[in-house]
């Protein structure tokens, strides 16, 4: 049996393990490739779209509508710099995402609204009046 010596302190090993976990399993908008999760719901009044993007600001988003295609995008730029007597360290990170959704013709494009709160971008897509489901009624047969 061979013995292997570790020159690392157990506390530093734990620190490295936690950094690996954060890097691989925790959502960081600063990571280069990220695509936020989206929930879409429908009611009688319209559709609701919720995009989960914690850590962003509402100024980071661009929401565009072109030929019934709704595009949500964001671009982040992070720059940091550390200076000491003999060392200057600069780090730059850039990341972006873009999600596009084809909207049905039943959406009233002039009444679309967006709101960002608590890390969730909510977009309301109201239906046109003629597209709303009529009240249930019985139809007599002639």
C-alpha atoms as a PDB file:
ATOM      1  CA  UNK A   1       0.000   0.000   0.000  1.00  0.00           C
ATOM      2  CA  UNK A   2       1.323   3.433  -0.930  1.00  0.00           C
ATOM      3  CA  UNK A   3       0.791   6.488   1.179  1.00  0.00           C
ATOM      4  CA  UNK A   4       0.146   9.816  -0.475  1.00  0.00           C
ATOM      5  CA  UNK A   5       1.007  12.993   1.336  1.00  0.00           C
ATOM      6  CA  UNK A   6      -1.112  16.107   1.071  1.00  0.00           C
ATOM      7  CA  UNK A   7       0.633  19.417   1.353  1.00  0.00           C
ATOM      8  CA  UNK A   8      -2.694  21.208   1.519  1.00  0.00           C
ATOM      9  CA  UNK A   9      -4.476  22.265   4.646  1.00  0.00           C
ATOM     10  CA  UNK A  10      -7.976  20.721   4.921  1.00  0.00           C
ATOM     11  CA  UNK A  11      -9.573  24.179   5.159  1.00  0.00           C
ATOM     12  CA  UNK A  12      -8.121  25.209   1.790  1.00  0.00           C
ATOM     13  CA  UNK A  13      -9.411  21.962   0.261  1.00  0.00           C
ATOM     14  CA  UNK A  14     -12.915  22.811   1.492  1.00  0.00           C
ATOM     15  CA  UNK A  15     -12.619  26.299   0.054  1.00  0.00           C
ATOM     16  CA  UNK A  16     -11.656  24.884  -3.364  1.00  0.00           C
ATOM     17  CA  UNK A  17     -14.540  22.423  -3.205  1.00  0.00           C
ATOM     18  CA  UNK A  18     -17.037  25.215  -2.477  1.00  0.00           C
ATOM     19  CA  UNK A  19     -15.655  27.319  -5.350  1.00  0.00           C
ATOM     20  CA  UNK A  20     -16.070  24.358  -7.711  1.00  0.00           C
ATOM     21  CA  UNK A  21     -19.638  23.880  -6.511  1.00  0.00           C
ATOM     22  CA  UNK A  22     -20.467  27.568  -7.046  1.00  0.00           C
ATOM     23  CA  UNK A  23     -18.886  27.559 -10.481  1.00  0.00           C
ATOM     24  CA  UNK A  24     -20.777  24.473 -11.666  1.00  0.00           C
ATOM     25  CA  UNK A  25     -24.131  24.425  -9.909  1.00  0.00           C
ATOM     26  CA  UNK A  26     -25.139  27.952  -8.905  1.00  0.00           C
ATOM     27  CA  UNK A  27     -26.685  30.376 -11.421  1.00  0.00           C
ATOM     28  CA  UNK A  28     -24.291  33.222 -12.109  1.00  0.00           C
ATOM     29  CA  UNK A  29     -25.296  35.754 -14.753  1.00  0.00           C
ATOM     30  CA  UNK A  30     -21.603  36.600 -14.985  1.00  0.00           C
ATOM     31  CA  UNK A  31     -20.879  33.189 -16.504  1.00  0.00           C
ATOM     32  CA  UNK A  32     -20.329  33.345 -20.237  1.00  0.00           C
ATOM     33  CA  UNK A  33     -23.189  31.151 -21.367  1.00  0.00           C
ATOM     34  CA  UNK A  34     -26.403  31.366 -19.465  1.00  0.00           C
ATOM     35  CA  UNK A  35     -30.001  31.095 -20.523  1.00  0.00           C
ATOM     36  CA  UNK A  36     -32.578  32.089 -17.940  1.00  0.00           C
ATOM     37  CA  UNK A  37     -35.551  29.829 -17.298  1.00  0.00           C
ATOM     38  CA  UNK A  38     -38.934  30.931 -18.643  1.00  0.00           C
ATOM     39  CA  UNK A  39     -42.456  30.103 -17.506  1.00  0.00           C
ATOM     40  CA  UNK A  40     -45.405  30.774 -19.820  1.00  0.00           C
ATOM     41  CA  UNK A  41     -48.996  30.714 -18.625  1.00  0.00           C
ATOM     42  CA  UNK A  42     -52.355  31.389 -20.287  1.00  0.00           C
ATOM     43  CA  UNK A  43     -55.548  32.836 -18.868  1.00  0.00           C
ATOM     44  CA  UNK A  44     -58.764  34.011 -20.500  1.00  0.00           C
ATOM     45  CA  UNK A  45     -57.335  37.534 -20.572  1.00  0.00           C
ATOM     46  CA  UNK A  46     -53.960  36.729 -22.111  1.00  0.00           C
ATOM     47  CA  UNK A  47     -50.572  35.121 -21.668  1.00  0.00           C
ATOM     48  CA  UNK A  48     -47.987  35.678 -18.959  1.00  0.00           C
ATOM     49  CA  UNK A  49     -44.273  35.213 -19.464  1.00  0.00           C
ATOM     50  CA  UNK A  50     -41.884  35.073 -16.493  1.00  0.00           C
ATOM     51  CA  UNK A  51     -38.128  35.023 -17.015  1.00  0.00           C
ATOM     52  CA  UNK A  52     -35.935  34.245 -13.985  1.00  0.00           C
ATOM     53  CA  UNK A  53     -32.761  36.359 -14.021  1.00  0.00           C
ATOM     54  CA  UNK A  54     -31.604  37.194 -10.493  1.00  0.00           C
ATOM     55  CA  UNK A  55     -28.661  39.526 -10.161  1.00  0.00           C
ATOM     56  CA  UNK A  56     -29.598  41.662 -13.152  1.00  0.00           C
ATOM     57  CA  UNK A  57     -31.044  45.158 -13.170  1.00  0.00           C
ATOM     58  CA  UNK A  58     -33.970  46.252 -15.292  1.00  0.00           C
ATOM     59  CA  UNK A  59     -31.564  48.461 -17.272  1.00  0.00           C
ATOM     60  CA  UNK A  60     -29.696  45.308 -18.381  1.00  0.00           C
ATOM     61  CA  UNK A  61     -32.681  44.031 -20.386  1.00  0.00           C
ATOM     62  CA  UNK A  62     -33.785  44.830 -23.913  1.00  0.00           C
ATOM     63  CA  UNK A  63     -37.273  43.740 -24.936  1.00  0.00           C
ATOM     64  CA  UNK A  64     -38.061  44.093 -28.641  1.00  0.00           C
ATOM     65  CA  UNK A  65     -41.065  43.215 -30.781  1.00  0.00           C
ATOM     66  CA  UNK A  66     -40.584  42.637 -34.513  1.00  0.00           C
ATOM     67  CA  UNK A  67     -43.139  40.900 -36.784  1.00  0.00           C
ATOM     68  CA  UNK A  68     -44.894  39.119 -33.886  1.00  0.00           C
ATOM     69  CA  UNK A  69     -41.560  37.872 -32.486  1.00  0.00           C
ATOM     70  CA  UNK A  70     -40.803  38.989 -28.929  1.00  0.00           C
ATOM     71  CA  UNK A  71     -37.071  39.024 -28.163  1.00  0.00           C
ATOM     72  CA  UNK A  72     -35.682  39.404 -24.644  1.00  0.00           C
ATOM     73  CA  UNK A  73     -31.946  39.959 -24.344  1.00  0.00           C
ATOM     74  CA  UNK A  74     -29.359  41.187 -21.869  1.00  0.00           C
ATOM     75  CA  UNK A  75     -25.667  41.929 -22.015  1.00  0.00           C
ATOM     76  CA  UNK A  76     -23.458  42.168 -18.945  1.00  0.00           C
ATOM     77  CA  UNK A  77     -19.981  43.598 -18.651  1.00  0.00           C
ATOM     78  CA  UNK A  78     -18.014  43.187 -15.434  1.00  0.00           C
ATOM     79  CA  UNK A  79     -14.587  44.674 -14.961  1.00  0.00           C
ATOM     80  CA  UNK A  80     -12.568  44.494 -11.767  1.00  0.00           C
ATOM     81  CA  UNK A  81      -9.084  45.599 -10.843  1.00  0.00           C
ATOM     82  CA  UNK A  82      -6.882  44.860  -7.847  1.00  0.00           C
ATOM     83  CA  UNK A  83      -3.729  46.829  -7.132  1.00  0.00           C
ATOM     84  CA  UNK A  84      -1.016  46.218  -4.617  1.00  0.00           C
ATOM     85  CA  UNK A  85       2.662  47.223  -4.449  1.00  0.00           C
ATOM     86  CA  UNK A  86       3.913  44.784  -7.062  1.00  0.00           C
ATOM     87  CA  UNK A  87       0.765  43.378  -8.572  1.00  0.00           C
ATOM     88  CA  UNK A  88      -2.002  44.650 -10.781  1.00  0.00           C
ATOM     89  CA  UNK A  89      -4.748  42.194 -11.599  1.00  0.00           C
ATOM     90  CA  UNK A  90      -7.546  42.999 -14.008  1.00  0.00           C
ATOM     91  CA  UNK A  91     -10.411  40.733 -14.817  1.00  0.00           C
ATOM     92  CA  UNK A  92     -12.985  41.254 -17.509  1.00  0.00           C
ATOM     93  CA  UNK A  93     -16.070  39.153 -18.065  1.00  0.00           C
ATOM     94  CA  UNK A  94     -18.744  39.602 -20.673  1.00  0.00           C
ATOM     95  CA  UNK A  95     -21.911  37.581 -20.991  1.00  0.00           C
ATOM     96  CA  UNK A  96     -25.184  37.821 -22.832  1.00  0.00           C
ATOM     97  CA  UNK A  97     -28.331  35.927 -23.631  1.00  0.00           C
ATOM     98  CA  UNK A  98     -31.202  36.248 -26.054  1.00  0.00           C
ATOM     99  CA  UNK A  99     -34.567  34.439 -25.997  1.00  0.00           C
ATOM    100  CA  UNK A 100     -37.159  34.824 -28.773  1.00  0.00           C
ATOM    101  CA  UNK A 101     -40.833  33.865 -28.752  1.00  0.00           C
ATOM    102  CA  UNK A 102     -43.262  33.805 -31.683  1.00  0.00           C
ATOM    103  CA  UNK A 103     -46.481  35.427 -30.535  1.00  0.00           C
ATOM    104  CA  UNK A 104     -49.892  34.276 -31.746  1.00  0.00           C
ATOM    105  CA  UNK A 105     -51.972  36.709 -33.790  1.00  0.00           C
ATOM    106  CA  UNK A 106     -54.484  36.854 -30.937  1.00  0.00           C
ATOM    107  CA  UNK A 107     -52.132  39.082 -28.861  1.00  0.00           C
ATOM    108  CA  UNK A 108     -52.913  42.808 -28.642  1.00  0.00           C
ATOM    109  CA  UNK A 109     -49.410  44.073 -29.467  1.00  0.00           C
ATOM    110  CA  UNK A 110     -50.142  47.649 -28.328  1.00  0.00           C
ATOM    111  CA  UNK A 111     -50.936  46.585 -24.750  1.00  0.00           C
ATOM    112  CA  UNK A 112     -47.868  44.450 -23.931  1.00  0.00           C
ATOM    113  CA  UNK A 113     -46.358  45.419 -20.572  1.00  0.00           C
ATOM    114  CA  UNK A 114     -43.148  44.398 -18.787  1.00  0.00           C
ATOM    115  CA  UNK A 115     -42.073  44.633 -15.149  1.00  0.00           C
ATOM    116  CA  UNK A 116     -38.893  43.506 -13.354  1.00  0.00           C
ATOM    117  CA  UNK A 117     -39.006  42.801  -9.633  1.00  0.00           C
ATOM    118  CA  UNK A 118     -37.139  40.458  -7.269  1.00  0.00           C
ATOM    119  CA  UNK A 119     -35.137  38.815 -10.063  1.00  0.00           C
ATOM    120  CA  UNK A 120     -38.184  38.007 -12.233  1.00  0.00           C
ATOM    121  CA  UNK A 121     -38.985  39.766 -15.511  1.00  0.00           C
ATOM    122  CA  UNK A 122     -42.760  39.545 -16.038  1.00  0.00           C
ATOM    123  CA  UNK A 123     -44.284  40.305 -19.412  1.00  0.00           C
ATOM    124  CA  UNK A 124     -48.058  40.565 -19.832  1.00  0.00           C
ATOM    125  CA  UNK A 125     -49.359  39.634 -23.274  1.00  0.00           C
ATOM    126  CA  UNK A 126     -53.089  40.505 -23.329  1.00  0.00           C
ATOM    127  CA  UNK A 127     -55.409  38.930 -25.893  1.00  0.00           C
ATOM    128  CA  UNK A 128     -57.456  41.001 -28.321  1.00  0.00           C
ATOM    129  CA  UNK A 129     -61.131  41.304 -27.421  1.00  0.00           C
ATOM    130  CA  UNK A 130     -62.249  39.132 -30.334  1.00  0.00           C
ATOM    131  CA  UNK A 131     -59.789  36.392 -29.307  1.00  0.00           C
ATOM    132  CA  UNK A 132     -61.084  36.043 -25.755  1.00  0.00           C
ATOM    133  CA  UNK A 133     -63.143  32.958 -25.076  1.00  0.00           C
ATOM    134  CA  UNK A 134     -66.864  33.641 -25.184  1.00  0.00           C
ATOM    135  CA  UNK A 135     -69.073  32.749 -22.246  1.00  0.00           C
ATOM    136  CA  UNK A 136     -70.287  29.156 -22.370  1.00  0.00           C
ATOM    137  CA  UNK A 137     -73.784  28.867 -23.742  1.00  0.00           C
ATOM    138  CA  UNK A 138     -76.039  26.149 -25.062  1.00  0.00           C
ATOM    139  CA  UNK A 139     -76.655  26.082 -28.778  1.00  0.00           C
ATOM    140  CA  UNK A 140     -80.004  24.761 -29.918  1.00  0.00           C
ATOM    141  CA  UNK A 141     -80.121  22.371 -32.839  1.00  0.00           C
ATOM    142  CA  UNK A 142     -82.529  23.333 -35.621  1.00  0.00           C
END
